Amino acid sequence: MTHTILEPLPEDQWFIESQEVRSFVATVREISASTVDDRTQTLVRLEPYFQELLAQQEWLPQKFAQVNPESKMGGGIGQWLLYRAKDRSLSVFSLVIPPGSTTPVHDHLAWGLIGLYKGNQEETVYRRVDSG
């Protein structure tokens, strides 16, 4: 697998004005720095803060909660970047999946938190059982 290393950005990029997201990003940075050797612990410690953010329903502008018919992800799935760290180590985005949509089996190839802001999701988690 080939990895492309991207150049740092001139500064952090904020695509929404939200004190809730700014506070969450600060918490992510703090916890990530103290758990850099154990990403499982990072996620465990971040989860309550993420759940708190998702429980608040006023911080996400309607523009970032819409499907996107022009999406290259297909099916109108909207992927909206909300924040990106200048060193590219952290991104926060909203993913809007139209009702009734399905996605193929996939792996995000990254560690992170996924949560529901609105709606419901049915998810099947697969685990490889062979040695390949």
N, C-alpha and C. Protein backbone atom coordinates (compact mmCIF):
# COMPACT_ATOMS: atom_id res chain seq x y z
N MET A 1 0.84 -1.17 0.00
CA MET A 1 0.00 0.00 0.00
C MET A 1 0.90 1.24 0.00
N THR A 2 0.60 2.19 -0.85
CA THR A 2 1.35 3.42 -0.93
C THR A 2 0.66 4.50 -0.11
N HIS A 3 1.43 5.21 0.70
CA HIS A 3 0.89 6.30 1.51
C HIS A 3 1.42 7.61 0.97
N THR A 4 0.55 8.57 0.81
CA THR A 4 0.94 9.90 0.41
C THR A 4 1.00 10.77 1.65
N ILE A 5 2.11 11.43 1.86
CA ILE A 5 2.25 12.33 2.99
C ILE A 5 1.91 13.73 2.51
N LEU A 6 0.90 14.30 3.10
CA LEU A 6 0.43 15.63 2.71
C LEU A 6 1.18 16.70 3.49
N GLU A 7 1.43 17.79 2.83
CA GLU A 7 2.09 18.93 3.47
C GLU A 7 1.16 19.53 4.52
N PRO A 8 1.74 20.08 5.59
CA PRO A 8 0.90 20.77 6.57
C PRO A 8 0.21 21.97 5.94
N LEU A 9 -0.91 22.34 6.52
CA LEU A 9 -1.65 23.52 6.08
C LEU A 9 -1.08 24.75 6.79
N PRO A 10 -1.32 25.93 6.26
CA PRO A 10 -0.81 27.14 6.94
C PRO A 10 -1.39 27.33 8.33
N GLU A 11 -2.63 26.87 8.54
CA GLU A 11 -3.29 27.01 9.84
C GLU A 11 -4.43 26.02 9.92
N ASP A 12 -4.95 25.83 11.14
CA ASP A 12 -6.14 24.99 11.30
C ASP A 12 -7.25 25.56 10.44
N GLN A 13 -8.09 24.69 9.92
CA GLN A 13 -9.22 25.11 9.09
C GLN A 13 -10.52 24.83 9.84
N TRP A 14 -11.31 25.88 10.05
CA TRP A 14 -12.62 25.79 10.69
C TRP A 14 -13.66 26.15 9.65
N PHE A 15 -14.58 25.23 9.39
CA PHE A 15 -15.60 25.46 8.38
C PHE A 15 -16.95 25.82 9.00
N ILE A 16 -17.03 25.74 10.33
CA ILE A 16 -18.22 26.21 11.04
C ILE A 16 -17.75 27.00 12.25
N GLU A 17 -18.58 27.92 12.67
CA GLU A 17 -18.33 28.66 13.91
C GLU A 17 -19.16 28.01 15.00
N SER A 18 -18.51 27.28 15.87
CA SER A 18 -19.23 26.56 16.92
C SER A 18 -18.32 26.42 18.13
N GLN A 19 -18.72 27.02 19.23
CA GLN A 19 -17.95 26.88 20.46
C GLN A 19 -17.94 25.43 20.93
N GLU A 20 -19.03 24.71 20.68
CA GLU A 20 -19.10 23.29 21.07
C GLU A 20 -18.04 22.47 20.33
N VAL A 21 -17.88 22.71 19.04
CA VAL A 21 -16.89 21.95 18.26
C VAL A 21 -15.48 22.39 18.67
N ARG A 22 -15.27 23.68 18.88
CA ARG A 22 -13.94 24.15 19.32
C ARG A 22 -13.55 23.52 20.65
N SER A 23 -14.49 23.44 21.56
CA SER A 23 -14.23 22.82 22.86
C SER A 23 -13.94 21.33 22.69
N PHE A 24 -14.71 20.66 21.83
CA PHE A 24 -14.49 19.23 21.59
C PHE A 24 -13.10 19.00 20.98
N VAL A 25 -12.71 19.81 20.01
CA VAL A 25 -11.40 19.66 19.38
C VAL A 25 -10.29 19.86 20.42
N ALA A 26 -10.43 20.83 21.30
CA ALA A 26 -9.44 21.05 22.35
C ALA A 26 -9.33 19.81 23.25
N THR A 27 -10.47 19.23 23.59
CA THR A 27 -10.49 18.02 24.41
C THR A 27 -9.83 16.85 23.68
N VAL A 28 -10.12 16.71 22.39
CA VAL A 28 -9.50 15.64 21.60
C VAL A 28 -8.00 15.80 21.60
N ARG A 29 -7.52 17.00 21.37
CA ARG A 29 -6.06 17.24 21.36
C ARG A 29 -5.43 16.88 22.70
N GLU A 30 -6.06 17.30 23.78
CA GLU A 30 -5.52 17.04 25.12
C GLU A 30 -5.48 15.54 25.41
N ILE A 31 -6.59 14.86 25.20
CA ILE A 31 -6.65 13.42 25.49
C ILE A 31 -5.75 12.64 24.53
N SER A 32 -5.73 12.99 23.26
CA SER A 32 -4.88 12.28 22.29
C SER A 32 -3.41 12.39 22.65
N ALA A 33 -3.00 13.56 23.11
CA ALA A 33 -1.59 13.77 23.48
C ALA A 33 -1.20 12.91 24.69
N SER A 34 -2.14 12.70 25.59
CA SER A 34 -1.82 11.93 26.79
C SER A 34 -2.01 10.42 26.62
N THR A 35 -2.58 10.01 25.50
CA THR A 35 -2.82 8.57 25.26
C THR A 35 -2.25 8.12 23.91
N VAL A 36 -1.23 8.81 23.45
CA VAL A 36 -0.70 8.57 22.10
C VAL A 36 -0.26 7.12 21.89
N ASP A 37 0.13 6.44 22.95
CA ASP A 37 0.60 5.06 22.82
C ASP A 37 -0.52 4.03 22.95
N ASP A 38 -1.74 4.48 23.19
CA ASP A 38 -2.85 3.55 23.37
C ASP A 38 -4.13 4.17 22.80
N ARG A 39 -4.34 3.99 21.50
CA ARG A 39 -5.50 4.62 20.85
C ARG A 39 -6.82 4.03 21.33
N THR A 40 -6.82 2.82 21.84
CA THR A 40 -8.04 2.28 22.44
C THR A 40 -8.42 3.14 23.64
N GLN A 41 -7.43 3.48 24.46
CA GLN A 41 -7.68 4.34 25.62
C GLN A 41 -8.11 5.73 25.17
N THR A 42 -7.53 6.23 24.09
CA THR A 42 -7.94 7.52 23.55
C THR A 42 -9.44 7.52 23.28
N LEU A 43 -9.90 6.51 22.58
CA LEU A 43 -11.32 6.42 22.22
C LEU A 43 -12.21 6.26 23.45
N VAL A 44 -11.78 5.45 24.39
CA VAL A 44 -12.57 5.24 25.61
C VAL A 44 -12.73 6.57 26.36
N ARG A 45 -11.66 7.33 26.45
CA ARG A 45 -11.72 8.60 27.19
C ARG A 45 -12.48 9.68 26.43
N LEU A 46 -12.44 9.62 25.10
CA LEU A 46 -13.13 10.64 24.30
C LEU A 46 -14.63 10.39 24.17
N GLU A 47 -15.04 9.15 24.26
CA GLU A 47 -16.44 8.81 23.97
C GLU A 47 -17.46 9.64 24.74
N PRO A 48 -17.30 9.86 26.05
CA PRO A 48 -18.33 10.66 26.74
C PRO A 48 -18.41 12.10 26.23
N TYR A 49 -17.27 12.67 25.86
CA TYR A 49 -17.28 14.04 25.33
C TYR A 49 -17.94 14.08 23.95
N PHE A 50 -17.72 13.04 23.17
CA PHE A 50 -18.34 12.95 21.85
C PHE A 50 -19.85 12.78 21.99
N GLN A 51 -20.28 11.93 22.91
CA GLN A 51 -21.71 11.73 23.15
C GLN A 51 -22.36 13.03 23.61
N GLU A 52 -21.66 13.78 24.45
CA GLU A 52 -22.17 15.07 24.91
C GLU A 52 -22.34 16.04 23.73
N LEU A 53 -21.36 16.08 22.85
CA LEU A 53 -21.45 16.94 21.66
C LEU A 53 -22.64 16.54 20.80
N LEU A 54 -22.80 15.25 20.54
CA LEU A 54 -23.88 14.78 19.69
C LEU A 54 -25.26 15.02 20.31
N ALA A 55 -25.33 15.04 21.63
CA ALA A 55 -26.62 15.25 22.30
C ALA A 55 -27.11 16.69 22.16
N GLN A 56 -26.20 17.60 21.88
CA GLN A 56 -26.58 19.01 21.68
C GLN A 56 -27.01 19.16 20.22
N GLN A 57 -28.16 19.71 19.98
CA GLN A 57 -28.72 19.74 18.63
C GLN A 57 -28.64 21.10 17.95
N GLU A 58 -27.93 22.05 18.51
CA GLU A 58 -27.94 23.38 17.90
C GLU A 58 -26.61 23.78 17.26
N TRP A 59 -25.56 23.03 17.40
CA TRP A 59 -24.25 23.47 16.94
C TRP A 59 -23.98 23.20 15.46
N LEU A 60 -24.69 22.26 14.84
CA LEU A 60 -24.43 21.92 13.45
C LEU A 60 -25.36 22.72 12.53
N PRO A 61 -24.79 23.64 11.73
CA PRO A 61 -25.63 24.40 10.81
C PRO A 61 -26.35 23.47 9.82
N GLN A 62 -27.57 23.84 9.46
CA GLN A 62 -28.39 23.02 8.57
C GLN A 62 -27.66 22.68 7.27
N LYS A 63 -26.85 23.59 6.76
CA LYS A 63 -26.08 23.37 5.53
C LYS A 63 -25.24 22.09 5.61
N PHE A 64 -24.75 21.76 6.81
CA PHE A 64 -23.88 20.59 6.99
C PHE A 64 -24.64 19.35 7.44
N ALA A 65 -25.97 19.43 7.39
CA ALA A 65 -26.81 18.29 7.74
C ALA A 65 -27.68 17.86 6.55
N GLN A 66 -27.23 18.20 5.36
CA GLN A 66 -27.98 17.93 4.13
C GLN A 66 -27.31 16.84 3.30
N VAL A 67 -28.11 16.13 2.54
CA VAL A 67 -27.55 15.22 1.54
C VAL A 67 -26.90 16.07 0.45
N ASN A 68 -26.11 15.43 -0.39
CA ASN A 68 -25.40 16.15 -1.45
C ASN A 68 -25.55 15.38 -2.76
N PRO A 69 -26.45 15.80 -3.63
CA PRO A 69 -26.66 15.09 -4.89
C PRO A 69 -25.42 15.06 -5.78
N GLU A 70 -24.49 15.99 -5.57
CA GLU A 70 -23.25 16.06 -6.37
C GLU A 70 -22.14 15.20 -5.78
N SER A 71 -22.40 14.53 -4.70
CA SER A 71 -21.37 13.79 -3.97
C SER A 71 -20.72 12.72 -4.84
N LYS A 72 -19.42 12.64 -4.72
CA LYS A 72 -18.68 11.58 -5.40
C LYS A 72 -18.73 10.26 -4.60
N MET A 73 -19.36 10.32 -3.41
CA MET A 73 -19.51 9.11 -2.61
C MET A 73 -20.70 8.30 -3.12
N GLY A 74 -21.54 8.90 -3.94
CA GLY A 74 -22.68 8.20 -4.50
C GLY A 74 -23.91 8.27 -3.63
N GLY A 75 -25.05 8.12 -4.28
CA GLY A 75 -26.32 8.04 -3.57
C GLY A 75 -26.74 9.30 -2.83
N GLY A 76 -26.09 10.41 -3.09
CA GLY A 76 -26.43 11.65 -2.41
C GLY A 76 -25.81 11.80 -1.03
N ILE A 77 -24.92 10.88 -0.66
CA ILE A 77 -24.27 10.98 0.65
C ILE A 77 -23.52 12.31 0.72
N GLY A 78 -23.77 13.06 1.76
CA GLY A 78 -23.07 14.32 1.95
C GLY A 78 -21.96 14.16 2.97
N GLN A 79 -20.76 14.55 2.59
CA GLN A 79 -19.63 14.55 3.53
C GLN A 79 -19.16 15.99 3.64
N TRP A 80 -19.30 16.55 4.83
CA TRP A 80 -19.04 17.97 5.05
C TRP A 80 -17.92 18.14 6.07
N LEU A 81 -16.80 18.70 5.65
CA LEU A 81 -15.68 18.95 6.54
C LEU A 81 -16.02 20.11 7.47
N LEU A 82 -15.90 19.87 8.76
CA LEU A 82 -16.19 20.89 9.76
C LEU A 82 -14.91 21.50 10.33
N TYR A 83 -13.86 20.67 10.45
CA TYR A 83 -12.58 21.10 11.01
C TYR A 83 -11.48 20.20 10.48
N ARG A 84 -10.29 20.80 10.22
CA ARG A 84 -9.10 20.02 9.85
C ARG A 84 -7.90 20.68 10.50
N ALA A 85 -7.12 19.90 11.25
CA ALA A 85 -5.91 20.41 11.90
C ALA A 85 -4.86 20.73 10.86
N LYS A 86 -4.07 21.76 11.13
CA LYS A 86 -3.06 22.17 10.16
C LYS A 86 -2.04 21.06 9.90
N ASP A 87 -1.78 20.20 10.90
CA ASP A 87 -0.85 19.09 10.67
C ASP A 87 -1.56 17.86 10.10
N ARG A 88 -2.86 18.00 9.84
CA ARG A 88 -3.71 16.96 9.23
C ARG A 88 -3.90 15.73 10.12
N SER A 89 -3.65 15.89 11.41
CA SER A 89 -3.77 14.76 12.33
C SER A 89 -5.19 14.55 12.82
N LEU A 90 -6.07 15.52 12.59
CA LEU A 90 -7.44 15.42 13.10
C LEU A 90 -8.39 16.10 12.13
N SER A 91 -9.46 15.41 11.83
CA SER A 91 -10.56 15.98 11.03
C SER A 91 -11.86 15.67 11.74
N VAL A 92 -12.77 16.63 11.66
CA VAL A 92 -14.12 16.43 12.16
C VAL A 92 -15.04 16.74 10.98
N PHE A 93 -15.92 15.82 10.67
CA PHE A 93 -16.85 16.06 9.56
C PHE A 93 -18.19 15.43 9.86
N SER A 94 -19.18 15.91 9.12
CA SER A 94 -20.49 15.28 9.22
C SER A 94 -20.69 14.46 7.95
N LEU A 95 -21.28 13.32 8.12
CA LEU A 95 -21.60 12.44 7.01
C LEU A 95 -23.11 12.27 7.03
N VAL A 96 -23.76 12.68 5.96
CA VAL A 96 -25.21 12.64 5.88
C VAL A 96 -25.60 11.56 4.87
N ILE A 97 -26.22 10.53 5.37
CA ILE A 97 -26.61 9.40 4.53
C ILE A 97 -28.12 9.44 4.36
N PRO A 98 -28.58 9.52 3.11
CA PRO A 98 -30.03 9.59 2.88
C PRO A 98 -30.75 8.36 3.44
N PRO A 99 -31.98 8.53 3.90
CA PRO A 99 -32.77 7.40 4.41
C PRO A 99 -32.84 6.27 3.38
N GLY A 100 -32.70 5.05 3.87
CA GLY A 100 -32.81 3.87 3.01
C GLY A 100 -31.54 3.51 2.27
N SER A 101 -30.50 4.32 2.40
CA SER A 101 -29.24 4.06 1.71
C SER A 101 -28.48 2.93 2.38
N THR A 102 -27.66 2.25 1.61
CA THR A 102 -26.75 1.24 2.14
C THR A 102 -25.36 1.55 1.63
N THR A 103 -24.38 1.08 2.35
CA THR A 103 -22.99 1.22 1.91
C THR A 103 -22.39 -0.16 1.81
N PRO A 104 -21.39 -0.33 0.97
CA PRO A 104 -20.74 -1.64 0.89
C PRO A 104 -19.90 -1.89 2.15
N VAL A 105 -19.54 -3.14 2.36
CA VAL A 105 -18.62 -3.47 3.45
C VAL A 105 -17.35 -2.67 3.22
N HIS A 106 -16.88 -2.00 4.27
CA HIS A 106 -15.68 -1.17 4.11
C HIS A 106 -14.97 -1.00 5.45
N ASP A 107 -13.74 -0.57 5.36
CA ASP A 107 -12.90 -0.31 6.52
C ASP A 107 -12.40 1.13 6.39
N HIS A 108 -12.54 1.92 7.42
CA HIS A 108 -12.14 3.32 7.33
C HIS A 108 -10.63 3.50 7.37
N LEU A 109 -9.90 2.45 7.73
CA LEU A 109 -8.44 2.48 7.76
C LEU A 109 -7.88 3.60 8.64
N ALA A 110 -8.59 3.93 9.69
CA ALA A 110 -8.16 4.96 10.62
C ALA A 110 -8.85 4.72 11.95
N TRP A 111 -8.31 5.30 12.99
CA TRP A 111 -9.00 5.24 14.27
C TRP A 111 -9.88 6.47 14.39
N GLY A 112 -10.97 6.33 15.09
CA GLY A 112 -11.84 7.47 15.25
C GLY A 112 -13.14 7.11 15.90
N LEU A 113 -13.97 8.13 16.08
CA LEU A 113 -15.29 7.97 16.66
C LEU A 113 -16.34 8.24 15.60
N ILE A 114 -17.38 7.46 15.62
CA ILE A 114 -18.50 7.64 14.71
C ILE A 114 -19.75 7.66 15.57
N GLY A 115 -20.59 8.65 15.35
CA GLY A 115 -21.80 8.74 16.15
C GLY A 115 -22.94 9.30 15.34
N LEU A 116 -24.13 9.18 15.88
CA LEU A 116 -25.33 9.68 15.21
C LEU A 116 -25.78 10.99 15.84
N TYR A 117 -25.92 12.01 15.02
CA TYR A 117 -26.42 13.30 15.45
C TYR A 117 -27.95 13.28 15.40
N LYS A 118 -28.48 12.71 14.33
CA LYS A 118 -29.93 12.54 14.17
C LYS A 118 -30.19 11.24 13.42
N GLY A 119 -31.36 10.68 13.63
CA GLY A 119 -31.76 9.50 12.88
C GLY A 119 -31.33 8.20 13.52
N ASN A 120 -31.38 7.15 12.74
CA ASN A 120 -31.03 5.80 13.19
C ASN A 120 -30.10 5.17 12.17
N GLN A 121 -29.34 4.22 12.63
CA GLN A 121 -28.44 3.50 11.73
C GLN A 121 -28.46 2.03 12.11
N GLU A 122 -28.52 1.20 11.11
CA GLU A 122 -28.37 -0.24 11.33
C GLU A 122 -26.99 -0.59 10.84
N GLU A 123 -26.22 -1.27 11.68
CA GLU A 123 -24.83 -1.56 11.34
C GLU A 123 -24.54 -3.02 11.60
N THR A 124 -23.81 -3.64 10.69
CA THR A 124 -23.33 -5.00 10.88
C THR A 124 -21.81 -4.92 10.90
N VAL A 125 -21.21 -5.43 11.97
CA VAL A 125 -19.76 -5.42 12.10
C VAL A 125 -19.25 -6.81 11.78
N TYR A 126 -18.29 -6.88 10.87
CA TYR A 126 -17.72 -8.14 10.47
C TYR A 126 -16.32 -8.28 11.04
N ARG A 127 -15.94 -9.51 11.32
CA ARG A 127 -14.60 -9.79 11.80
C ARG A 127 -14.03 -10.91 10.93
N ARG A 128 -12.84 -10.68 10.44
CA ARG A 128 -12.19 -11.70 9.62
C ARG A 128 -11.79 -12.86 10.51
N VAL A 129 -12.09 -14.10 10.08
CA VAL A 129 -11.79 -15.26 10.90
C VAL A 129 -10.72 -16.16 10.28
N ASP A 130 -10.33 -15.93 9.03
CA ASP A 130 -9.26 -16.72 8.46
C ASP A 130 -7.92 -16.03 8.76
N SER A 131 -6.83 -16.62 8.34
CA SER A 131 -5.51 -16.06 8.65
C SER A 131 -5.00 -15.13 7.57
N GLY A 132 -5.74 -14.96 6.48
CA GLY A 132 -5.28 -14.20 5.31
C GLY A 132 -5.46 -12.78 5.45
